C-alpha atoms as a PDB file:
ATOM      1  CA  MET A   1      22.902   3.161   8.108  1.00  0.00           C
ATOM      2  CA  LYS A   2      22.986   3.607   4.328  1.00  0.00           C
ATOM      3  CA  ILE A   3      19.559   2.838   2.879  1.00  0.00           C
ATOM      4  CA  GLY A   4      18.690   2.578  -0.786  1.00  0.00           C
ATOM      5  CA  PHE A   5      15.051   3.707  -1.153  1.00  0.00           C
ATOM      6  CA  ILE A   6      13.290   3.078  -4.456  1.00  0.00           C
ATOM      7  CA  GLY A   7       9.807   4.507  -4.933  1.00  0.00           C
ATOM      8  CA  VAL A   8       9.223   7.909  -3.342  1.00  0.00           C
ATOM      9  CA  GLY A   9       5.635   8.587  -4.393  1.00  0.00           C
ATOM     10  CA  ILE A  10       2.601   9.384  -2.250  1.00  0.00           C
ATOM     11  CA  MET A  11       3.527   6.755   0.350  1.00  0.00           C
ATOM     12  CA  GLY A  12       7.262   6.326  -0.124  1.00  0.00           C
ATOM     13  CA  ARG A  13       8.080  10.004   0.154  1.00  0.00           C
ATOM     14  CA  PRO A  14       7.074  10.469   3.815  1.00  0.00           C
ATOM     15  CA  MET A  15       8.329   6.974   4.708  1.00  0.00           C
ATOM     16  CA  ALA A  16      11.794   7.831   3.403  1.00  0.00           C
ATOM     17  CA  GLY A  17      11.578  11.169   5.180  1.00  0.00           C
ATOM     18  CA  HIS A  18      11.123   9.458   8.557  1.00  0.00           C
ATOM     19  CA  LEU A  19      14.248   7.395   7.950  1.00  0.00           C
ATOM     20  CA  GLN A  20      16.190  10.517   7.039  1.00  0.00           C
ATOM     21  CA  THR A  21      14.958  12.322  10.159  1.00  0.00           C
ATOM     22  CA  ALA A  22      16.201   9.376  12.201  1.00  0.00           C
ATOM     23  CA  GLY A  23      19.711   9.985  10.868  1.00  0.00           C
ATOM     24  CA  HIS A  24      19.954   7.362   8.140  1.00  0.00           C
ATOM     25  CA  GLU A  25      21.696   8.194   4.869  1.00  0.00           C
ATOM     26  CA  LEU A  26      19.369   7.788   1.875  1.00  0.00           C
ATOM     27  CA  LEU A  27      20.312   6.746  -1.641  1.00  0.00           C
ATOM     28  CA  LEU A  28      17.273   7.497  -3.796  1.00  0.00           C
ATOM     29  CA  VAL A  29      16.309   6.036  -7.154  1.00  0.00           C
ATOM     30  CA  GLN A  30      13.585   7.630  -9.242  1.00  0.00           C
ATOM     31  CA  HIS A  31      10.802   5.317 -10.325  1.00  0.00           C
ATOM     32  CA  ARG A  32       7.784   7.296 -11.542  1.00  0.00           C
ATOM     33  CA  SER A  33       7.652  10.199  -9.111  1.00  0.00           C
ATOM     34  CA  PRO A  34      10.429  12.829  -9.180  1.00  0.00           C
ATOM     35  CA  LEU A  35      12.899  12.674  -6.319  1.00  0.00           C
ATOM     36  CA  PRO A  36      11.610  14.888  -3.470  1.00  0.00           C
ATOM     37  CA  PRO A  37      13.663  18.099  -3.266  1.00  0.00           C
ATOM     38  CA  GLU A  38      13.321  18.232   0.532  1.00  0.00           C
ATOM     39  CA  LEU A  39      14.999  14.824   0.866  1.00  0.00           C
ATOM     40  CA  LEU A  40      17.807  15.854  -1.482  1.00  0.00           C
ATOM     41  CA  ALA A  41      18.220  19.097   0.451  1.00  0.00           C
ATOM     42  CA  GLY A  42      18.422  17.017   3.636  1.00  0.00           C
ATOM     43  CA  GLY A  43      21.413  15.096   2.306  1.00  0.00           C
ATOM     44  CA  ALA A  44      19.884  12.247   0.306  1.00  0.00           C
ATOM     45  CA  ARG A  45      21.913  11.185  -2.714  1.00  0.00           C
ATOM     46  CA  ALA A  46      20.349  10.606  -6.119  1.00  0.00           C
ATOM     47  CA  CYS A  47      21.428   7.380  -7.817  1.00  0.00           C
ATOM     48  CA  ALA A  48      21.283   6.773 -11.548  1.00  0.00           C
ATOM     49  CA  SER A  49      20.059   3.190 -11.162  1.00  0.00           C
ATOM     50  CA  ALA A  50      18.841   0.601  -8.696  1.00  0.00           C
ATOM     51  CA  ARG A  51      22.152  -1.180  -9.198  1.00  0.00           C
ATOM     52  CA  GLU A  52      24.080   1.896  -8.052  1.00  0.00           C
ATOM     53  CA  ALA A  53      21.942   2.171  -4.930  1.00  0.00           C
ATOM     54  CA  ALA A  54      22.464  -1.505  -4.123  1.00  0.00           C
ATOM     55  CA  GLU A  55      26.219  -1.200  -4.596  1.00  0.00           C
ATOM     56  CA  ASN A  56      26.380   1.519  -1.947  1.00  0.00           C
ATOM     57  CA  ALA A  57      23.630   0.655   0.565  1.00  0.00           C
ATOM     58  CA  GLU A  58      23.338  -1.828   3.419  1.00  0.00           C
ATOM     59  CA  ILE A  59      19.548  -2.156   3.147  1.00  0.00           C
ATOM     60  CA  ILE A  60      17.454  -1.662   0.003  1.00  0.00           C
ATOM     61  CA  ILE A  61      13.796  -0.702   0.476  1.00  0.00           C
ATOM     62  CA  LEU A  62      11.261  -0.894  -2.347  1.00  0.00           C
ATOM     63  CA  MET A  63       7.912   0.929  -2.315  1.00  0.00           C
ATOM     64  CA  LEU A  64       6.548   0.320  -5.803  1.00  0.00           C
ATOM     65  CA  PRO A  65       3.083   0.046  -7.384  1.00  0.00           C
ATOM     66  CA  ASP A  66       2.855  -3.535  -8.664  1.00  0.00           C
ATOM     67  CA  THR A  67       4.528  -6.931  -9.126  1.00  0.00           C
ATOM     68  CA  PRO A  68       6.088  -6.162 -12.550  1.00  0.00           C
ATOM     69  CA  ASP A  69       7.601  -2.946 -11.160  1.00  0.00           C
ATOM     70  CA  VAL A  70       9.284  -4.881  -8.354  1.00  0.00           C
ATOM     71  CA  GLU A  71      10.529  -7.589 -10.715  1.00  0.00           C
ATOM     72  CA  ARG A  72      12.056  -5.081 -13.150  1.00  0.00           C
ATOM     73  CA  THR A  73      13.651  -3.101 -10.329  1.00  0.00           C
ATOM     74  CA  LEU A  74      15.183  -6.201  -8.778  1.00  0.00           C
ATOM     75  CA  PHE A  75      16.207  -8.200 -11.841  1.00  0.00           C
ATOM     76  CA  GLY A  76      16.081  -5.923 -14.875  1.00  0.00           C
ATOM     77  CA  GLU A  77      19.009  -4.170 -16.513  1.00  0.00           C
ATOM     78  CA  ASN A  78      20.987  -2.262 -13.855  1.00  0.00           C
ATOM     79  CA  GLY A  79      18.634  -3.718 -11.254  1.00  0.00           C
ATOM     80  CA  VAL A  80      19.158  -4.242  -7.559  1.00  0.00           C
ATOM     81  CA  ALA A  81      20.371  -7.837  -7.955  1.00  0.00           C
ATOM     82  CA  GLN A  82      23.291  -6.734 -10.118  1.00  0.00           C
ATOM     83  CA  GLY A  83      24.606  -4.495  -7.351  1.00  0.00           C
ATOM     84  CA  LEU A  84      24.102  -6.701  -4.297  1.00  0.00           C
ATOM     85  CA  GLY A  85      26.897  -8.182  -2.215  1.00  0.00           C
ATOM     86  CA  ARG A  86      26.665 -10.927   0.388  1.00  0.00           C
ATOM     87  CA  GLY A  87      24.983  -9.934   3.643  1.00  0.00           C
ATOM     88  CA  GLN A  88      22.809  -7.150   2.256  1.00  0.00           C
ATOM     89  CA  CYS A  89      19.040  -7.126   2.734  1.00  0.00           C
ATOM     90  CA  VAL A  90      16.135  -6.281   0.443  1.00  0.00           C
ATOM     91  CA  VAL A  91      12.933  -5.066   2.115  1.00  0.00           C
ATOM     92  CA  ASP A  92       9.975  -4.931  -0.264  1.00  0.00           C
ATOM     93  CA  MET A  93       7.226  -2.743   1.199  1.00  0.00           C
ATOM     94  CA  SER A  94       5.158  -2.827  -2.000  1.00  0.00           C
ATOM     95  CA  SER A  95       1.860  -4.710  -2.168  1.00  0.00           C
ATOM     96  CA  ILE A  96       2.383  -7.482  -4.709  1.00  0.00           C
ATOM     97  CA  ASP A  97       1.690 -11.127  -5.551  1.00  0.00           C
ATOM     98  CA  PRO A  98       2.636 -13.472  -2.668  1.00  0.00           C
ATOM     99  CA  ILE A  99       3.736 -16.260  -5.042  1.00  0.00           C
ATOM    100  CA  ALA A 100       5.991 -13.920  -7.012  1.00  0.00           C
ATOM    101  CA  THR A 101       7.358 -12.590  -3.708  1.00  0.00           C
ATOM    102  CA  ARG A 102       8.544 -16.063  -2.727  1.00  0.00           C
ATOM    103  CA  ARG A 103      10.175 -16.487  -6.136  1.00  0.00           C
ATOM    104  CA  PHE A 104      11.944 -13.128  -5.858  1.00  0.00           C
ATOM    105  CA  ALA A 105      13.176 -14.019  -2.368  1.00  0.00           C
ATOM    106  CA  GLU A 106      14.680 -17.298  -3.579  1.00  0.00           C
ATOM    107  CA  LYS A 107      16.690 -15.470  -6.241  1.00  0.00           C
ATOM    108  CA  ILE A 108      17.906 -12.777  -3.813  1.00  0.00           C
ATOM    109  CA  GLU A 109      18.798 -15.347  -1.132  1.00  0.00           C
ATOM    110  CA  ALA A 110      20.790 -17.309  -3.737  1.00  0.00           C
ATOM    111  CA  LEU A 111      23.077 -14.249  -3.892  1.00  0.00           C
ATOM    112  CA  GLY A 112      23.799 -14.571  -0.164  1.00  0.00           C
ATOM    113  CA  CYS A 113      21.383 -11.790   0.802  1.00  0.00           C
ATOM    114  CA  ASP A 114      18.269 -11.585   2.958  1.00  0.00           C
ATOM    115  CA  TYR A 115      14.731 -10.757   1.904  1.00  0.00           C
ATOM    116  CA  VAL A 116      11.753  -9.318   3.785  1.00  0.00           C
ATOM    117  CA  ASP A 117       8.295  -8.666   2.409  1.00  0.00           C
ATOM    118  CA  ALA A 118       6.750  -5.897   4.471  1.00  0.00           C
ATOM    119  CA  PRO A 119       3.631  -4.443   2.813  1.00  0.00           C
ATOM    120  CA  VAL A 120       1.871  -1.633   4.621  1.00  0.00           C
ATOM    121  CA  SER A 121      -1.612  -0.382   5.413  1.00  0.00           C
ATOM    122  CA  GLY A 122      -2.667   3.055   6.579  1.00  0.00           C
ATOM    123  CA  GLY A 123      -2.552   5.145   3.428  1.00  0.00           C
ATOM    124  CA  GLU A 124      -0.973   8.540   2.999  1.00  0.00           C
ATOM    125  CA  VAL A 125      -2.092   9.660   6.465  1.00  0.00           C
ATOM    126  CA  GLY A 126      -0.413   6.679   8.101  1.00  0.00           C
ATOM    127  CA  ALA A 127       2.742   7.222   6.069  1.00  0.00           C
ATOM    128  CA  ARG A 128       2.926  10.898   7.026  1.00  0.00           C
ATOM    129  CA  ASN A 129       2.329  10.147  10.715  1.00  0.00           C
ATOM    130  CA  ALA A 130       4.716   7.173  10.853  1.00  0.00           C
ATOM    131  CA  ALA A 131       1.688   5.153  11.960  1.00  0.00           C
ATOM    132  CA  LEU A 132       1.556   2.464   9.285  1.00  0.00           C
ATOM    133  CA  THR A 133       0.569  -1.114   9.947  1.00  0.00           C
ATOM    134  CA  ILE A 134       3.390  -3.262   8.571  1.00  0.00           C
ATOM    135  CA  MET A 135       2.851  -6.972   7.847  1.00  0.00           C
ATOM    136  CA  CYS A 136       6.109  -8.879   7.519  1.00  0.00           C
ATOM    137  CA  GLY A 137       7.236 -12.153   6.046  1.00  0.00           C
ATOM    138  CA  ALA A 138      10.824 -13.095   6.894  1.00  0.00           C
ATOM    139  CA  LYS A 139      13.127 -15.306   8.897  1.00  0.00           C
ATOM    140  CA  PRO A 140      12.844 -14.178  12.552  1.00  0.00           C
ATOM    141  CA  GLU A 141      16.478 -13.062  12.799  1.00  0.00           C
ATOM    142  CA  VAL A 142      16.201 -11.043   9.585  1.00  0.00           C
ATOM    143  CA  PHE A 143      12.990  -9.438  10.826  1.00  0.00           C
ATOM    144  CA  GLU A 144      14.754  -8.352  14.025  1.00  0.00           C
ATOM    145  CA  ARG A 145      17.560  -6.859  11.952  1.00  0.00           C
ATOM    146  CA  VAL A 146      15.232  -4.546  10.032  1.00  0.00           C
ATOM    147  CA  ARG A 147      12.680  -3.948  12.782  1.00  0.00           C
ATOM    148  CA  PRO A 148      14.307  -0.672  14.010  1.00  0.00           C
ATOM    149  CA  LEU A 149      13.878   0.772  10.516  1.00  0.00           C
ATOM    150  CA  LEU A 150      10.263  -0.365  10.290  1.00  0.00           C
ATOM    151  CA  GLU A 151       9.551   1.218  13.671  1.00  0.00           C
ATOM    152  CA  ARG A 152      10.490   4.597  12.195  1.00  0.00           C
ATOM    153  CA  MET A 153       7.699   4.217   9.621  1.00  0.00           C
ATOM    154  CA  GLY A 154       4.953   2.339  11.458  1.00  0.00           C
ATOM    155  CA  LYS A 155       3.415   1.446  14.797  1.00  0.00           C
ATOM    156  CA  ASN A 156       1.722  -1.930  14.386  1.00  0.00           C
ATOM    157  CA  ILE A 157       4.522  -4.160  13.101  1.00  0.00           C
ATOM    158  CA  THR A 158       3.904  -7.908  12.961  1.00  0.00           C
ATOM    159  CA  LEU A 159       5.996 -10.851  11.799  1.00  0.00           C
ATOM    160  CA  VAL A 160       3.220 -12.895  10.181  1.00  0.00           C
ATOM    161  CA  GLY A 161       5.409 -15.810   9.073  1.00  0.00           C
ATOM    162  CA  GLY A 162       7.858 -16.709   6.335  1.00  0.00           C
ATOM    163  CA  VAL A 163       8.538 -14.734   3.174  1.00  0.00           C
ATOM    164  CA  GLY A 164       5.292 -14.147   1.286  1.00  0.00           C
ATOM    165  CA  ASP A 165       3.077 -14.311   4.364  1.00  0.00           C
ATOM    166  CA  GLY A 166       3.253 -10.544   4.759  1.00  0.00           C
ATOM    167  CA  GLN A 167       1.777 -10.197   1.270  1.00  0.00           C
ATOM    168  CA  VAL A 168      -0.953 -12.728   2.130  1.00  0.00           C
ATOM    169  CA  ALA A 169      -1.870 -10.592   5.150  1.00  0.00           C
ATOM    170  CA  LYS A 170      -1.934  -7.457   2.992  1.00  0.00           C
ATOM    171  CA  VAL A 171      -4.277  -9.073   0.466  1.00  0.00           C
ATOM    172  CA  ALA A 172      -6.566 -10.065   3.349  1.00  0.00           C
ATOM    173  CA  ASN A 173      -6.401  -6.467   4.609  1.00  0.00           C
ATOM    174  CA  GLN A 174      -7.413  -5.107   1.222  1.00  0.00           C
ATOM    175  CA  ILE A 175     -10.402  -7.468   1.048  1.00  0.00           C
ATOM    176  CA  ILE A 176     -11.634  -6.182   4.407  1.00  0.00           C
ATOM    177  CA  VAL A 177     -11.050  -2.520   3.524  1.00  0.00           C
ATOM    178  CA  ALA A 178     -12.814  -2.768   0.156  1.00  0.00           C
ATOM    179  CA  LEU A 179     -15.843  -4.495   1.652  1.00  0.00           C
ATOM    180  CA  ASN A 180     -15.996  -1.929   4.445  1.00  0.00           C
ATOM    181  CA  ILE A 181     -15.897   0.913   1.918  1.00  0.00           C
ATOM    182  CA  GLU A 182     -18.735  -0.761   0.019  1.00  0.00           C
ATOM    183  CA  ALA A 183     -20.784  -1.135   3.225  1.00  0.00           C
ATOM    184  CA  VAL A 184     -20.277   2.499   4.246  1.00  0.00           C
ATOM    185  CA  ALA A 185     -21.072   3.703   0.722  1.00  0.00           C
ATOM    186  CA  GLU A 186     -24.308   1.712   0.622  1.00  0.00           C
ATOM    187  CA  ALA A 187     -25.339   2.828   4.119  1.00  0.00           C
ATOM    188  CA  LEU A 188     -24.752   6.537   3.535  1.00  0.00           C
ATOM    189  CA  THR A 189     -26.390   6.471   0.091  1.00  0.00           C
ATOM    190  CA  PHE A 190     -29.396   4.677   1.591  1.00  0.00           C
ATOM    191  CA  ALA A 191     -29.632   7.182   4.447  1.00  0.00           C
ATOM    192  CA  SER A 192     -29.455  10.150   2.091  1.00  0.00           C
ATOM    193  CA  LYS A 193     -32.029   8.793  -0.356  1.00  0.00           C
ATOM    194  CA  ALA A 194     -34.339   7.985   2.562  1.00  0.00           C
ATOM    195  CA  GLY A 195     -34.270  11.685   3.477  1.00  0.00           C
ATOM    196  CA  ALA A 196     -31.896  11.692   6.452  1.00  0.00           C
ATOM    197  CA  ASP A 197     -28.801  13.866   6.808  1.00  0.00           C
ATOM    198  CA  PRO A 198     -25.917  11.481   5.993  1.00  0.00           C
ATOM    199  CA  ALA A 199     -23.530  13.478   8.183  1.00  0.00           C
ATOM    200  CA  ARG A 200     -25.805  13.060  11.203  1.00  0.00           C
ATOM    201  CA  VAL A 201     -26.305   9.369  10.397  1.00  0.00           C
ATOM    202  CA  ARG A 202     -22.558   8.858  10.246  1.00  0.00           C
ATOM    203  CA  GLU A 203     -22.176  10.688  13.573  1.00  0.00           C
ATOM    204  CA  ALA A 204     -24.753   8.411  15.178  1.00  0.00           C
ATOM    205  CA  LEU A 205     -23.176   5.244  13.775  1.00  0.00           C
ATOM    206  CA  MET A 206     -19.723   6.245  15.037  1.00  0.00           C
ATOM    207  CA  GLY A 207     -20.983   5.593  18.573  1.00  0.00           C
ATOM    208  CA  GLY A 208     -22.256   2.077  17.873  1.00  0.00           C
ATOM    209  CA  PHE A 209     -21.164  -1.368  16.716  1.00  0.00           C
ATOM    210  CA  ALA A 210     -20.977  -0.158  13.094  1.00  0.00           C
ATOM    211  CA  SER A 211     -18.123   2.194  13.980  1.00  0.00           C
ATOM    212  CA  SER A 212     -14.905   1.666  11.995  1.00  0.00           C
ATOM    213  CA  ARG A 213     -11.910   3.557  10.642  1.00  0.00           C
ATOM    214  CA  VAL A 214     -13.503   3.375   7.202  1.00  0.00           C
ATOM    215  CA  LEU A 215     -16.720   4.966   8.491  1.00  0.00           C
ATOM    216  CA  GLU A 216     -14.658   7.586  10.325  1.00  0.00           C
ATOM    217  CA  VAL A 217     -12.243   8.555   7.543  1.00  0.00           C
ATOM    218  CA  HIS A 218     -13.850   7.505   4.278  1.00  0.00           C
ATOM    219  CA  GLY A 219     -17.395   8.193   5.424  1.00  0.00           C
ATOM    220  CA  GLU A 220     -16.268  11.781   5.964  1.00  0.00           C
ATOM    221  CA  ARG A 221     -14.699  11.836   2.488  1.00  0.00           C
ATOM    222  CA  MET A 222     -17.959  10.620   0.941  1.00  0.00           C
ATOM    223  CA  ILE A 223     -19.907  13.378   2.648  1.00  0.00           C
ATOM    224  CA  GLN A 224     -17.364  16.129   1.996  1.00  0.00           C
ATOM    225  CA  ARG A 225     -16.716  14.908  -1.591  1.00  0.00           C
ATOM    226  CA  THR A 226     -12.938  14.905  -1.053  1.00  0.00           C
ATOM    227  CA  PHE A 227     -11.703  12.179  -3.387  1.00  0.00           C
ATOM    228  CA  ASP A 228      -8.109  13.253  -4.001  1.00  0.00           C
ATOM    229  CA  PRO A 229      -5.947  10.182  -3.248  1.00  0.00           C
ATOM    230  CA  GLY A 230      -5.038   8.863  -0.446  1.00  0.00           C
ATOM    231  CA  PHE A 231      -5.010   5.492  -2.044  1.00  0.00           C
ATOM    232  CA  ARG A 232      -5.958   5.329  -5.685  1.00  0.00           C
ATOM    233  CA  ILE A 233      -8.747   3.100  -6.966  1.00  0.00           C
ATOM    234  CA  GLU A 234      -6.406   1.600  -9.579  1.00  0.00           C
ATOM    235  CA  LEU A 235      -4.085   0.395  -6.800  1.00  0.00           C
ATOM    236  CA  HIS A 236      -6.906  -1.130  -4.787  1.00  0.00           C
ATOM    237  CA  GLN A 237      -8.122  -2.791  -7.980  1.00  0.00           C
ATOM    238  CA  LYS A 238      -4.662  -4.297  -8.368  1.00  0.00           C
ATOM    239  CA  ASP A 239      -4.816  -5.671  -4.824  1.00  0.00           C
ATOM    240  CA  LEU A 240      -8.277  -7.169  -5.314  1.00  0.00           C
ATOM    241  CA  GLY A 241      -7.013  -8.699  -8.549  1.00  0.00           C
ATOM    242  CA  LEU A 242      -4.314 -10.433  -6.485  1.00  0.00           C
ATOM    243  CA  ALA A 243      -7.004 -11.645  -4.076  1.00  0.00           C
ATOM    244  CA  LEU A 244      -9.236 -13.019  -6.819  1.00  0.00           C
ATOM    245  CA  GLY A 245      -6.333 -14.606  -8.697  1.00  0.00           C
ATOM    246  CA  SER A 246      -5.070 -16.296  -5.536  1.00  0.00           C
ATOM    247  CA  ALA A 247      -8.589 -17.452  -4.665  1.00  0.00           C
ATOM    248  CA  ARG A 248      -8.928 -19.018  -8.093  1.00  0.00           C
ATOM    249  CA  ALA A 249      -5.608 -20.834  -7.608  1.00  0.00           C
ATOM    250  CA  LEU A 250      -6.796 -22.045  -4.197  1.00  0.00           C
ATOM    251  CA  GLY A 251     -10.132 -23.223  -5.594  1.00  0.00           C
ATOM    252  CA  MET A 252     -12.255 -20.923  -3.451  1.00  0.00           C
ATOM    253  CA  ALA A 253     -14.814 -18.164  -3.987  1.00  0.00           C
ATOM    254  CA  LEU A 254     -14.609 -14.544  -2.803  1.00  0.00           C
ATOM    255  CA  PRO A 255     -18.044 -13.325  -3.952  1.00  0.00           C
ATOM    256  CA  ASN A 256     -18.150  -9.947  -2.202  1.00  0.00           C
ATOM    257  CA  THR A 257     -14.563  -9.195  -3.190  1.00  0.00           C
ATOM    258  CA  ALA A 258     -15.613  -9.733  -6.799  1.00  0.00           C
ATOM    259  CA  SER A 259     -18.546  -7.333  -6.321  1.00  0.00           C
ATOM    260  CA  ALA A 260     -16.262  -4.675  -4.860  1.00  0.00           C
ATOM    261  CA  GLN A 261     -13.909  -5.089  -7.826  1.00  0.00           C
ATOM    262  CA  GLN A 262     -16.810  -4.516 -10.232  1.00  0.00           C
ATOM    263  CA  LEU A 263     -17.800  -1.330  -8.390  1.00  0.00           C
ATOM    264  CA  PHE A 264     -14.219  -0.077  -8.693  1.00  0.00           C
ATOM    265  CA  SER A 265     -14.361  -0.941 -12.404  1.00  0.00           C
ATOM    266  CA  ALA A 266     -17.513   1.164 -12.760  1.00  0.00           C
ATOM    267  CA  CYS A 267     -15.605   4.111 -11.270  1.00  0.00           C
ATOM    268  CA  VAL A 268     -12.681   3.548 -13.642  1.00  0.00           C
ATOM    269  CA  ALA A 269     -15.118   3.556 -16.568  1.00  0.00           C
ATOM    270  CA  LYS A 270     -16.128   7.056 -15.445  1.00  0.00           C
ATOM    271  CA  GLY A 271     -12.493   8.224 -15.438  1.00  0.00           C
ATOM    272  CA  GLY A 272     -11.885   7.474 -11.767  1.00  0.00           C
ATOM    273  CA  ALA A 273      -8.761   5.293 -11.792  1.00  0.00           C
ATOM    274  CA  GLY A 274      -6.934   8.047  -9.924  1.00  0.00           C
ATOM    275  CA  TRP A 275      -9.718   8.797  -7.434  1.00  0.00           C
ATOM    276  CA  ASP A 276      -9.307   7.844  -3.799  1.00  0.00           C
ATOM    277  CA  HIS A 277     -10.792   4.398  -3.141  1.00  0.00           C
ATOM    278  CA  SER A 278     -13.491   5.986  -0.963  1.00  0.00           C
ATOM    279  CA  ALA A 279     -14.945   7.210  -4.279  1.00  0.00           C
ATOM    280  CA  MET A 280     -16.390   3.716  -4.737  1.00  0.00           C
ATOM    281  CA  VAL A 281     -19.458   5.504  -3.346  1.00  0.00           C
ATOM    282  CA  ARG A 282     -19.895   7.118  -6.767  1.00  0.00           C
ATOM    283  CA  ALA A 283     -20.668   3.690  -8.264  1.00  0.00           C
ATOM    284  CA  ILE A 284     -23.283   3.069  -5.553  1.00  0.00           C
ATOM    285  CA  GLU A 285     -24.699   6.551  -6.178  1.00  0.00           C
ATOM    286  CA  MET A 286     -24.999   5.802  -9.905  1.00  0.00           C
ATOM    287  CA  LEU A 287     -26.955   2.630  -9.122  1.00  0.00           C
ATOM    288  CA  ALA A 288     -29.225   4.570  -6.750  1.00  0.00           C
ATOM    289  CA  ASP A 289     -29.473   7.598  -9.053  1.00  0.00           C
ATOM    290  CA  HIS A 290     -28.863   9.657  -5.925  1.00  0.00           C
ATOM    291  CA  PRO A 291     -25.745  11.311  -4.423  1.00  0.00           C
ATOM    292  CA  VAL A 292     -24.847  10.994  -0.759  1.00  0.00           C
ATOM    293  CA  LYS A 293     -24.532  14.757  -0.849  1.00  0.00           C
ATOM    294  CA  ASP A 294     -24.764  17.295  -3.645  1.00  0.00           C
ATOM    295  CA  GLY A 295     -21.542  19.012  -4.579  1.00  0.00           C
END
């Protein structure tokens, strides 16, 4: 299958690589990150625009940072929409606004094409291991059409509902992850300031009800001080902004989500927009005037 892939950054690069390994022909469009030389060496073709990729692909996959990026790529000058023909399919694997997603889908479907929102969770590790969780919003028959491609990139693949519902699930995921990071950061900072070895505390907690992937992976990052992204704070901030904006539109409160967003903002104020989101612990450490671990 010919696949147009737009957005080959930290996550998109290995995702596209899995599709290439499976024998699919890639048509790549540069967004912010340079096109990966290993994909080009493997036979991927560089396209000058999203329109060119859409004119030559059967499926177009987007893996972009934010809602405006997706909108420009789809509907801007030389965008995907200008190159689409009837029967093609757009799969947006970015994490963006659910309401905008439904609007984008309406415009793409008006061209006689299909649309799937399929945001992912699992970070760089999940992308590299083809172990992403993929939350999909689509018509059931369209979902089945693209499912074989998604299975090359992820393991837990769920049709949540109609278009936009995948993005709703992703926002819910990001609320849970942020609040878990905050809980682990507070717990390890507390343990360290109380005089215990945070590494031993984490080891003990991994065997109990407090065990989680965040404690396993990000707790280790907090102790080892390895905050290269992974998943950047500025991107998680964007996702929590979607959560808080949607909550406001729904007339509901997300108090702990708002607290997590403020802790991320404290990290950004210290120059940490590009830190891994596990570095939220640095905001907790500032409040405690104590590091989880020196170094």
